[in-house]
Amino acid sequence: VGSPALLLQMTTNLVHNAIVHNLPEQ
């Protein structure tokens, strides 16, 4: 139970952070 917009923002930030701060390849 919560705010769909804020929880989507939270999930997007986590996945985005995991993509950007990753290995240069593979």
mmCIF file of all heavy atoms, coordinates in Angstrom:
data_MODEL
# 
_entry.id   MODEL 
# 
loop_
_atom_site.group_PDB 
_atom_site.id 
_atom_site.type_symbol 
_atom_site.label_atom_id 
_atom_site.label_alt_id 
_atom_site.label_comp_id 
_atom_site.label_asym_id 
_atom_site.label_entity_id 
_atom_site.label_seq_id 
_atom_site.pdbx_PDB_ins_code 
_atom_site.Cartn_x 
_atom_site.Cartn_y 
_atom_site.Cartn_z 
_atom_site.occupancy 
_atom_site.B_iso_or_equiv 
_atom_site.pdbx_formal_charge 
_atom_site.auth_seq_id 
_atom_site.auth_comp_id 
_atom_site.auth_asym_id 
_atom_site.auth_atom_id 
_atom_site.pdbx_PDB_model_num 
ATOM 1   N N   . VAL A 1 1  ? 0.855  -1.183  0.000   1.00 0.00 ? 1  VAL A N   1 
ATOM 2   C CA  . VAL A 1 1  ? 0.000  0.000   0.000   1.00 0.00 ? 1  VAL A CA  1 
ATOM 3   C C   . VAL A 1 1  ? 0.889  1.231   0.000   1.00 0.00 ? 1  VAL A C   1 
ATOM 4   O O   . VAL A 1 1  ? 1.829  1.326   0.794   1.00 0.00 ? 1  VAL A O   1 
ATOM 5   C CB  . VAL A 1 1  ? -0.933 0.026   1.241   1.00 0.00 ? 1  VAL A CB  1 
ATOM 6   C CG1 . VAL A 1 1  ? -1.757 1.311   1.262   1.00 0.00 ? 1  VAL A CG1 1 
ATOM 7   C CG2 . VAL A 1 1  ? -1.838 -1.190  1.233   1.00 0.00 ? 1  VAL A CG2 1 
ATOM 8   N N   . GLY A 1 2  ? 0.601  2.159   -0.913  1.00 0.00 ? 2  GLY A N   1 
ATOM 9   C CA  . GLY A 1 2  ? 1.399  3.373   -0.985  1.00 0.00 ? 2  GLY A CA  1 
ATOM 10  C C   . GLY A 1 2  ? 1.030  4.202   -2.188  1.00 0.00 ? 2  GLY A C   1 
ATOM 11  O O   . GLY A 1 2  ? -0.009 3.997   -2.827  1.00 0.00 ? 2  GLY A O   1 
ATOM 12  N N   . SER A 1 3  ? 1.900  5.139   -2.499  1.00 0.00 ? 3  SER A N   1 
ATOM 13  C CA  . SER A 1 3  ? 1.694  6.008   -3.653  1.00 0.00 ? 3  SER A CA  1 
ATOM 14  C C   . SER A 1 3  ? 2.290  5.346   -4.885  1.00 0.00 ? 3  SER A C   1 
ATOM 15  O O   . SER A 1 3  ? 3.500  5.124   -4.943  1.00 0.00 ? 3  SER A O   1 
ATOM 16  C CB  . SER A 1 3  ? 2.353  7.363   -3.410  1.00 0.00 ? 3  SER A CB  1 
ATOM 17  O OG  . SER A 1 3  ? 2.398  8.119   -4.599  1.00 0.00 ? 3  SER A OG  1 
ATOM 18  N N   . PRO A 1 4  ? 1.486  5.023   -5.895  1.00 0.00 ? 4  PRO A N   1 
ATOM 19  C CA  . PRO A 1 4  ? 2.040  4.385   -7.104  1.00 0.00 ? 4  PRO A CA  1 
ATOM 20  C C   . PRO A 1 4  ? 3.110  5.240   -7.782  1.00 0.00 ? 4  PRO A C   1 
ATOM 21  O O   . PRO A 1 4  ? 4.125  4.717   -8.248  1.00 0.00 ? 4  PRO A O   1 
ATOM 22  C CB  . PRO A 1 4  ? 0.807  4.206   -7.995  1.00 0.00 ? 4  PRO A CB  1 
ATOM 23  C CG  . PRO A 1 4  ? -0.357 4.216   -7.065  1.00 0.00 ? 4  PRO A CG  1 
ATOM 24  C CD  . PRO A 1 4  ? 0.019  5.136   -5.959  1.00 0.00 ? 4  PRO A CD  1 
ATOM 25  N N   . ALA A 1 5  ? 2.904  6.567   -7.804  1.00 0.00 ? 5  ALA A N   1 
ATOM 26  C CA  . ALA A 1 5  ? 3.872  7.432   -8.467  1.00 0.00 ? 5  ALA A CA  1 
ATOM 27  C C   . ALA A 1 5  ? 5.210  7.429   -7.736  1.00 0.00 ? 5  ALA A C   1 
ATOM 28  O O   . ALA A 1 5  ? 6.281  7.307   -8.356  1.00 0.00 ? 5  ALA A O   1 
ATOM 29  C CB  . ALA A 1 5  ? 3.318  8.856   -8.554  1.00 0.00 ? 5  ALA A CB  1 
ATOM 30  N N   . LEU A 1 6  ? 5.166  7.526   -6.403  1.00 0.00 ? 6  LEU A N   1 
ATOM 31  C CA  . LEU A 1 6  ? 6.412  7.552   -5.647  1.00 0.00 ? 6  LEU A CA  1 
ATOM 32  C C   . LEU A 1 6  ? 7.108  6.194   -5.665  1.00 0.00 ? 6  LEU A C   1 
ATOM 33  O O   . LEU A 1 6  ? 8.340  6.115   -5.772  1.00 0.00 ? 6  LEU A O   1 
ATOM 34  C CB  . LEU A 1 6  ? 6.138  7.982   -4.202  1.00 0.00 ? 6  LEU A CB  1 
ATOM 35  C CG  . LEU A 1 6  ? 5.752  9.447   -3.993  1.00 0.00 ? 6  LEU A CG  1 
ATOM 36  C CD1 . LEU A 1 6  ? 5.512  9.731   -2.514  1.00 0.00 ? 6  LEU A CD1 1 
ATOM 37  C CD2 . LEU A 1 6  ? 6.811  10.380  -4.548  1.00 0.00 ? 6  LEU A CD2 1 
ATOM 38  N N   . LEU A 1 7  ? 6.344  5.114   -5.565  1.00 0.00 ? 7  LEU A N   1 
ATOM 39  C CA  . LEU A 1 7  ? 6.956  3.790   -5.604  1.00 0.00 ? 7  LEU A CA  1 
ATOM 40  C C   . LEU A 1 7  ? 7.542  3.494   -6.982  1.00 0.00 ? 7  LEU A C   1 
ATOM 41  O O   . LEU A 1 7  ? 8.584  2.828   -7.085  1.00 0.00 ? 7  LEU A O   1 
ATOM 42  C CB  . LEU A 1 7  ? 5.922  2.726   -5.215  1.00 0.00 ? 7  LEU A CB  1 
ATOM 43  C CG  . LEU A 1 7  ? 5.468  2.766   -3.752  1.00 0.00 ? 7  LEU A CG  1 
ATOM 44  C CD1 . LEU A 1 7  ? 4.402  1.713   -3.492  1.00 0.00 ? 7  LEU A CD1 1 
ATOM 45  C CD2 . LEU A 1 7  ? 6.652  2.549   -2.802  1.00 0.00 ? 7  LEU A CD2 1 
ATOM 46  N N   . LEU A 1 8  ? 6.902  3.987   -8.042  1.00 0.00 ? 8  LEU A N   1 
ATOM 47  C CA  . LEU A 1 8  ? 7.486  3.843   -9.379  1.00 0.00 ? 8  LEU A CA  1 
ATOM 48  C C   . LEU A 1 8  ? 8.769  4.657   -9.484  1.00 0.00 ? 8  LEU A C   1 
ATOM 49  O O   . LEU A 1 8  ? 9.751  4.207   -10.074 1.00 0.00 ? 8  LEU A O   1 
ATOM 50  C CB  . LEU A 1 8  ? 6.485  4.284   -10.437 1.00 0.00 ? 8  LEU A CB  1 
ATOM 51  C CG  . LEU A 1 8  ? 6.983  4.243   -11.892 1.00 0.00 ? 8  LEU A CG  1 
ATOM 52  C CD1 . LEU A 1 8  ? 7.402  2.827   -12.284 1.00 0.00 ? 8  LEU A CD1 1 
ATOM 53  C CD2 . LEU A 1 8  ? 5.913  4.776   -12.838 1.00 0.00 ? 8  LEU A CD2 1 
ATOM 54  N N   . GLN A 1 9  ? 8.762  5.857   -8.899  1.00 0.00 ? 9  GLN A N   1 
ATOM 55  C CA  . GLN A 1 9  ? 9.979  6.678   -8.883  1.00 0.00 ? 9  GLN A CA  1 
ATOM 56  C C   . GLN A 1 9  ? 11.090 5.952   -8.145  1.00 0.00 ? 9  GLN A C   1 
ATOM 57  O O   . GLN A 1 9  ? 12.252 5.938   -8.578  1.00 0.00 ? 9  GLN A O   1 
ATOM 58  C CB  . GLN A 1 9  ? 9.681  8.011   -8.202  1.00 0.00 ? 9  GLN A CB  1 
ATOM 59  C CG  . GLN A 1 9  ? 10.875 8.947   -8.086  1.00 0.00 ? 9  GLN A CG  1 
ATOM 60  C CD  . GLN A 1 9  ? 11.176 9.663   -9.383  1.00 0.00 ? 9  GLN A CD  1 
ATOM 61  O OE1 . GLN A 1 9  ? 10.280 10.169  -10.035 1.00 0.00 ? 9  GLN A OE1 1 
ATOM 62  N NE2 . GLN A 1 9  ? 12.436 9.687   -9.772  1.00 0.00 ? 9  GLN A NE2 1 
ATOM 63  N N   . MET A 1 10 ? 10.763 5.324   -7.015  1.00 0.00 ? 10 MET A N   1 
ATOM 64  C CA  . MET A 1 10 ? 11.752 4.580   -6.244  1.00 0.00 ? 10 MET A CA  1 
ATOM 65  C C   . MET A 1 10 ? 12.333 3.430   -7.066  1.00 0.00 ? 10 MET A C   1 
ATOM 66  O O   . MET A 1 10 ? 13.567 3.258   -7.147  1.00 0.00 ? 10 MET A O   1 
ATOM 67  C CB  . MET A 1 10 ? 11.101 4.036   -4.967  1.00 0.00 ? 10 MET A CB  1 
ATOM 68  C CG  . MET A 1 10 ? 11.992 3.135   -4.129  1.00 0.00 ? 10 MET A CG  1 
ATOM 69  S SD  . MET A 1 10 ? 11.053 2.160   -2.932  1.00 0.00 ? 10 MET A SD  1 
ATOM 70  C CE  . MET A 1 10 ? 10.263 0.972   -4.031  1.00 0.00 ? 10 MET A CE  1 
ATOM 71  N N   . THR A 1 11 ? 11.464 2.638   -7.687  1.00 0.00 ? 11 THR A N   1 
ATOM 72  C CA  . THR A 1 11 ? 11.915 1.487   -8.469  1.00 0.00 ? 11 THR A CA  1 
ATOM 73  C C   . THR A 1 11 ? 12.751 1.933   -9.670  1.00 0.00 ? 11 THR A C   1 
ATOM 74  O O   . THR A 1 11 ? 13.797 1.346   -9.967  1.00 0.00 ? 11 THR A O   1 
ATOM 75  C CB  . THR A 1 11 ? 10.700 0.676   -8.948  1.00 0.00 ? 11 THR A CB  1 
ATOM 76  O OG1 . THR A 1 11 ? 9.877  0.353   -7.819  1.00 0.00 ? 11 THR A OG1 1 
ATOM 77  C CG2 . THR A 1 11 ? 11.142 -0.611  -9.617  1.00 0.00 ? 11 THR A CG2 1 
ATOM 78  N N   . THR A 1 12 ? 12.307 2.971   -10.352 1.00 0.00 ? 12 THR A N   1 
ATOM 79  C CA  . THR A 1 12 ? 13.048 3.475   -11.506 1.00 0.00 ? 12 THR A CA  1 
ATOM 80  C C   . THR A 1 12 ? 14.425 3.978   -11.096 1.00 0.00 ? 12 THR A C   1 
ATOM 81  O O   . THR A 1 12 ? 15.423 3.734   -11.789 1.00 0.00 ? 12 THR A O   1 
ATOM 82  C CB  . THR A 1 12 ? 12.251 4.596   -12.196 1.00 0.00 ? 12 THR A CB  1 
ATOM 83  O OG1 . THR A 1 12 ? 10.958 4.100   -12.562 1.00 0.00 ? 12 THR A OG1 1 
ATOM 84  C CG2 . THR A 1 12 ? 12.967 5.092   -13.431 1.00 0.00 ? 12 THR A CG2 1 
ATOM 85  N N   . ASN A 1 13 ? 14.497 4.690   -9.980  1.00 0.00 ? 13 ASN A N   1 
ATOM 86  C CA  . ASN A 1 13 ? 15.787 5.189   -9.515  1.00 0.00 ? 13 ASN A CA  1 
ATOM 87  C C   . ASN A 1 13 ? 16.749 4.045   -9.202  1.00 0.00 ? 13 ASN A C   1 
ATOM 88  O O   . ASN A 1 13 ? 17.944 4.117   -9.510  1.00 0.00 ? 13 ASN A O   1 
ATOM 89  C CB  . ASN A 1 13 ? 15.593 6.066   -8.282  1.00 0.00 ? 13 ASN A CB  1 
ATOM 90  C CG  . ASN A 1 13 ? 15.037 7.426   -8.609  1.00 0.00 ? 13 ASN A CG  1 
ATOM 91  O OD1 . ASN A 1 13 ? 14.733 7.710   -9.763  1.00 0.00 ? 13 ASN A OD1 1 
ATOM 92  N ND2 . ASN A 1 13 ? 14.899 8.266   -7.603  1.00 0.00 ? 13 ASN A ND2 1 
ATOM 93  N N   . LEU A 1 14 ? 16.233 2.995   -8.574  1.00 0.00 ? 14 LEU A N   1 
ATOM 94  C CA  . LEU A 1 14 ? 17.091 1.861   -8.227  1.00 0.00 ? 14 LEU A CA  1 
ATOM 95  C C   . LEU A 1 14 ? 17.621 1.163   -9.477  1.00 0.00 ? 14 LEU A C   1 
ATOM 96  O O   . LEU A 1 14 ? 18.818 0.852   -9.568  1.00 0.00 ? 14 LEU A O   1 
ATOM 97  C CB  . LEU A 1 14 ? 16.321 0.871   -7.349  1.00 0.00 ? 14 LEU A CB  1 
ATOM 98  C CG  . LEU A 1 14 ? 16.016 1.324   -5.918  1.00 0.00 ? 14 LEU A CG  1 
ATOM 99  C CD1 . LEU A 1 14 ? 15.162 0.291   -5.198  1.00 0.00 ? 14 LEU A CD1 1 
ATOM 100 C CD2 . LEU A 1 14 ? 17.307 1.552   -5.138  1.00 0.00 ? 14 LEU A CD2 1 
ATOM 101 N N   . VAL A 1 15 ? 16.737 0.910   -10.437 1.00 0.00 ? 15 VAL A N   1 
ATOM 102 C CA  . VAL A 1 15 ? 17.176 0.233   -11.660 1.00 0.00 ? 15 VAL A CA  1 
ATOM 103 C C   . VAL A 1 15 ? 18.106 1.136   -12.467 1.00 0.00 ? 15 VAL A C   1 
ATOM 104 O O   . VAL A 1 15 ? 19.118 0.678   -13.008 1.00 0.00 ? 15 VAL A O   1 
ATOM 105 C CB  . VAL A 1 15 ? 15.952 -0.200  -12.492 1.00 0.00 ? 15 VAL A CB  1 
ATOM 106 C CG1 . VAL A 1 15 ? 16.395 -0.862  -13.784 1.00 0.00 ? 15 VAL A CG1 1 
ATOM 107 C CG2 . VAL A 1 15 ? 15.068 -1.157  -11.693 1.00 0.00 ? 15 VAL A CG2 1 
ATOM 108 N N   . HIS A 1 16 ? 17.784 2.416   -12.544 1.00 0.00 ? 16 HIS A N   1 
ATOM 109 C CA  . HIS A 1 16 ? 18.641 3.362   -13.273 1.00 0.00 ? 16 HIS A CA  1 
ATOM 110 C C   . HIS A 1 16 ? 20.018 3.439   -12.641 1.00 0.00 ? 16 HIS A C   1 
ATOM 111 O O   . HIS A 1 16 ? 21.051 3.435   -13.338 1.00 0.00 ? 16 HIS A O   1 
ATOM 112 C CB  . HIS A 1 16 ? 17.976 4.739   -13.286 1.00 0.00 ? 16 HIS A CB  1 
ATOM 113 C CG  . HIS A 1 16 ? 18.764 5.783   -14.034 1.00 0.00 ? 16 HIS A CG  1 
ATOM 114 N ND1 . HIS A 1 16 ? 19.768 6.513   -13.441 1.00 0.00 ? 16 HIS A ND1 1 
ATOM 115 C CD2 . HIS A 1 16 ? 18.702 6.204   -15.333 1.00 0.00 ? 16 HIS A CD2 1 
ATOM 116 C CE1 . HIS A 1 16 ? 20.294 7.344   -14.332 1.00 0.00 ? 16 HIS A CE1 1 
ATOM 117 N NE2 . HIS A 1 16 ? 19.661 7.173   -15.489 1.00 0.00 ? 16 HIS A NE2 1 
ATOM 118 N N   . ASN A 1 17 ? 20.057 3.499   -11.328 1.00 0.00 ? 17 ASN A N   1 
ATOM 119 C CA  . ASN A 1 17 ? 21.345 3.548   -10.632 1.00 0.00 ? 17 ASN A CA  1 
ATOM 120 C C   . ASN A 1 17 ? 22.150 2.276   -10.889 1.00 0.00 ? 17 ASN A C   1 
ATOM 121 O O   . ASN A 1 17 ? 23.374 2.327   -11.071 1.00 0.00 ? 17 ASN A O   1 
ATOM 122 C CB  . ASN A 1 17 ? 21.098 3.727   -9.131  1.00 0.00 ? 17 ASN A CB  1 
ATOM 123 C CG  . ASN A 1 17 ? 22.373 3.897   -8.349  1.00 0.00 ? 17 ASN A CG  1 
ATOM 124 O OD1 . ASN A 1 17 ? 22.970 4.957   -8.311  1.00 0.00 ? 17 ASN A OD1 1 
ATOM 125 N ND2 . ASN A 1 17 ? 22.808 2.819   -7.682  1.00 0.00 ? 17 ASN A ND2 1 
ATOM 126 N N   . ALA A 1 18 ? 21.465 1.133   -10.914 1.00 0.00 ? 18 ALA A N   1 
ATOM 127 C CA  . ALA A 1 18 ? 22.161 -0.131  -11.154 1.00 0.00 ? 18 ALA A CA  1 
ATOM 128 C C   . ALA A 1 18 ? 22.697 -0.218  -12.579 1.00 0.00 ? 18 ALA A C   1 
ATOM 129 O O   . ALA A 1 18 ? 23.735 -0.845  -12.829 1.00 0.00 ? 18 ALA A O   1 
ATOM 130 C CB  . ALA A 1 18 ? 21.211 -1.301  -10.877 1.00 0.00 ? 18 ALA A CB  1 
ATOM 131 N N   . ILE A 1 19 ? 22.001 0.402   -13.539 1.00 0.00 ? 19 ILE A N   1 
ATOM 132 C CA  . ILE A 1 19 ? 22.471 0.382   -14.929 1.00 0.00 ? 19 ILE A CA  1 
ATOM 133 C C   . ILE A 1 19 ? 23.659 1.307   -15.120 1.00 0.00 ? 19 ILE A C   1 
ATOM 134 O O   . ILE A 1 19 ? 24.675 0.946   -15.732 1.00 0.00 ? 19 ILE A O   1 
ATOM 135 C CB  . ILE A 1 19 ? 21.320 0.780   -15.881 1.00 0.00 ? 19 ILE A CB  1 
ATOM 136 C CG1 . ILE A 1 19 ? 20.209 -0.271  -15.851 1.00 0.00 ? 19 ILE A CG1 1 
ATOM 137 C CG2 . ILE A 1 19 ? 21.828 0.963   -17.305 1.00 0.00 ? 19 ILE A CG2 1 
ATOM 138 C CD1 . ILE A 1 19 ? 18.973 0.123   -16.632 1.00 0.00 ? 19 ILE A CD1 1 
ATOM 139 N N   . VAL A 1 20 ? 23.541 2.532   -14.600 1.00 0.00 ? 20 VAL A N   1 
ATOM 140 C CA  . VAL A 1 20 ? 24.582 3.535   -14.834 1.00 0.00 ? 20 VAL A CA  1 
ATOM 141 C C   . VAL A 1 20 ? 25.879 3.172   -14.127 1.00 0.00 ? 20 VAL A C   1 
ATOM 142 O O   . VAL A 1 20 ? 26.968 3.268   -14.708 1.00 0.00 ? 20 VAL A O   1 
ATOM 143 C CB  . VAL A 1 20 ? 24.067 4.923   -14.384 1.00 0.00 ? 20 VAL A CB  1 
ATOM 144 C CG1 . VAL A 1 20 ? 25.192 5.952   -14.440 1.00 0.00 ? 20 VAL A CG1 1 
ATOM 145 C CG2 . VAL A 1 20 ? 22.898 5.362   -15.252 1.00 0.00 ? 20 VAL A CG2 1 
ATOM 146 N N   . HIS A 1 21 ? 25.785 2.739   -12.874 1.00 0.00 ? 21 HIS A N   1 
ATOM 147 C CA  . HIS A 1 21 ? 26.980 2.405   -12.100 1.00 0.00 ? 21 HIS A CA  1 
ATOM 148 C C   . HIS A 1 21 ? 27.240 0.902   -12.243 1.00 0.00 ? 21 HIS A C   1 
ATOM 149 O O   . HIS A 1 21 ? 27.043 0.130   -11.295 1.00 0.00 ? 21 HIS A O   1 
ATOM 150 C CB  . HIS A 1 21 ? 26.801 2.808   -10.646 1.00 0.00 ? 21 HIS A CB  1 
ATOM 151 C CG  . HIS A 1 21 ? 26.551 4.275   -10.473 1.00 0.00 ? 21 HIS A CG  1 
ATOM 152 N ND1 . HIS A 1 21 ? 27.549 5.226   -10.528 1.00 0.00 ? 21 HIS A ND1 1 
ATOM 153 C CD2 . HIS A 1 21 ? 25.395 4.962   -10.282 1.00 0.00 ? 21 HIS A CD2 1 
ATOM 154 C CE1 . HIS A 1 21 ? 27.037 6.429   -10.345 1.00 0.00 ? 21 HIS A CE1 1 
ATOM 155 N NE2 . HIS A 1 21 ? 25.729 6.291   -10.194 1.00 0.00 ? 21 HIS A NE2 1 
ATOM 156 N N   . ASN A 1 22 ? 27.679 0.511   -13.415 1.00 0.00 ? 22 ASN A N   1 
ATOM 157 C CA  . ASN A 1 22 ? 27.892 -0.898  -13.716 1.00 0.00 ? 22 ASN A CA  1 
ATOM 158 C C   . ASN A 1 22 ? 29.213 -1.055  -14.441 1.00 0.00 ? 22 ASN A C   1 
ATOM 159 O O   . ASN A 1 22 ? 29.978 -0.095  -14.594 1.00 0.00 ? 22 ASN A O   1 
ATOM 160 C CB  . ASN A 1 22 ? 26.724 -1.427  -14.571 1.00 0.00 ? 22 ASN A CB  1 
ATOM 161 C CG  . ASN A 1 22 ? 26.383 -2.868  -14.280 1.00 0.00 ? 22 ASN A CG  1 
ATOM 162 O OD1 . ASN A 1 22 ? 27.267 -3.723  -14.293 1.00 0.00 ? 22 ASN A OD1 1 
ATOM 163 N ND2 . ASN A 1 22 ? 25.115 -3.133  -14.013 1.00 0.00 ? 22 ASN A ND2 1 
ATOM 164 N N   . LEU A 1 23 ? 29.483 -2.260  -14.892 1.00 0.00 ? 23 LEU A N   1 
ATOM 165 C CA  . LEU A 1 23 ? 30.702 -2.510  -15.654 1.00 0.00 ? 23 LEU A CA  1 
ATOM 166 C C   . LEU A 1 23 ? 30.637 -1.820  -17.011 1.00 0.00 ? 23 LEU A C   1 
ATOM 167 O O   . LEU A 1 23 ? 29.552 -1.650  -17.574 1.00 0.00 ? 23 LEU A O   1 
ATOM 168 C CB  . LEU A 1 23 ? 30.891 -4.014  -15.844 1.00 0.00 ? 23 LEU A CB  1 
ATOM 169 C CG  . LEU A 1 23 ? 31.136 -4.841  -14.566 1.00 0.00 ? 23 LEU A CG  1 
ATOM 170 C CD1 . LEU A 1 23 ? 31.183 -6.330  -14.909 1.00 0.00 ? 23 LEU A CD1 1 
ATOM 171 C CD2 . LEU A 1 23 ? 32.413 -4.406  -13.862 1.00 0.00 ? 23 LEU A CD2 1 
ATOM 172 N N   . PRO A 1 24 ? 31.791 -1.426  -17.557 1.00 0.00 ? 24 PRO A N   1 
ATOM 173 C CA  . PRO A 1 24 ? 31.779 -0.790  -18.886 1.00 0.00 ? 24 PRO A CA  1 
ATOM 174 C C   . PRO A 1 24 ? 31.217 -1.701  -19.974 1.00 0.00 ? 24 PRO A C   1 
ATOM 175 O O   . PRO A 1 24 ? 30.609 -1.225  -20.926 1.00 0.00 ? 24 PRO A O   1 
ATOM 176 C CB  . PRO A 1 24 ? 33.256 -0.465  -19.136 1.00 0.00 ? 24 PRO A CB  1 
ATOM 177 C CG  . PRO A 1 24 ? 33.886 -0.449  -17.784 1.00 0.00 ? 24 PRO A CG  1 
ATOM 178 C CD  . PRO A 1 24 ? 33.136 -1.444  -16.969 1.00 0.00 ? 24 PRO A CD  1 
ATOM 179 N N   . GLU A 1 25 ? 31.393 -2.994  -19.818 1.00 0.00 ? 25 GLU A N   1 
ATOM 180 C CA  . GLU A 1 25 ? 30.908 -3.954  -20.806 1.00 0.00 ? 25 GLU A CA  1 
ATOM 181 C C   . GLU A 1 25 ? 30.342 -5.172  -20.085 1.00 0.00 ? 25 GLU A C   1 
ATOM 182 O O   . GLU A 1 25 ? 30.839 -5.589  -19.044 1.00 0.00 ? 25 GLU A O   1 
ATOM 183 C CB  . GLU A 1 25 ? 32.024 -4.406  -21.753 1.00 0.00 ? 25 GLU A CB  1 
ATOM 184 C CG  . GLU A 1 25 ? 32.602 -3.281  -22.607 1.00 0.00 ? 25 GLU A CG  1 
ATOM 185 C CD  . GLU A 1 25 ? 33.716 -3.777  -23.508 1.00 0.00 ? 25 GLU A CD  1 
ATOM 186 O OE1 . GLU A 1 25 ? 34.079 -4.968  -23.379 1.00 0.00 ? 25 GLU A OE1 1 
ATOM 187 O OE2 . GLU A 1 25 ? 34.210 -2.987  -24.328 1.00 0.00 ? 25 GLU A OE2 1 
ATOM 188 N N   . GLN A 1 26 ? 29.293 -5.749  -20.680 1.00 0.00 ? 26 GLN A N   1 
ATOM 189 C CA  . GLN A 1 26 ? 28.691 -6.989  -20.190 1.00 0.00 ? 26 GLN A CA  1 
ATOM 190 C C   . GLN A 1 26 ? 28.264 -6.885  -18.714 1.00 0.00 ? 26 GLN A C   1 
ATOM 191 O O   . GLN A 1 26 ? 28.464 -7.801  -17.925 1.00 0.00 ? 26 GLN A O   1 
ATOM 192 C CB  . GLN A 1 26 ? 29.649 -8.172  -20.379 1.00 0.00 ? 26 GLN A CB  1 
ATOM 193 C CG  . GLN A 1 26 ? 29.986 -8.439  -21.834 1.00 0.00 ? 26 GLN A CG  1 
ATOM 194 C CD  . GLN A 1 26 ? 30.879 -9.657  -22.011 1.00 0.00 ? 26 GLN A CD  1 
ATOM 195 O OE1 . GLN A 1 26 ? 31.363 -10.228 -21.036 1.00 0.00 ? 26 GLN A OE1 1 
ATOM 196 N NE2 . GLN A 1 26 ? 31.084 -10.053 -23.257 1.00 0.00 ? 26 GLN A NE2 1 
# 
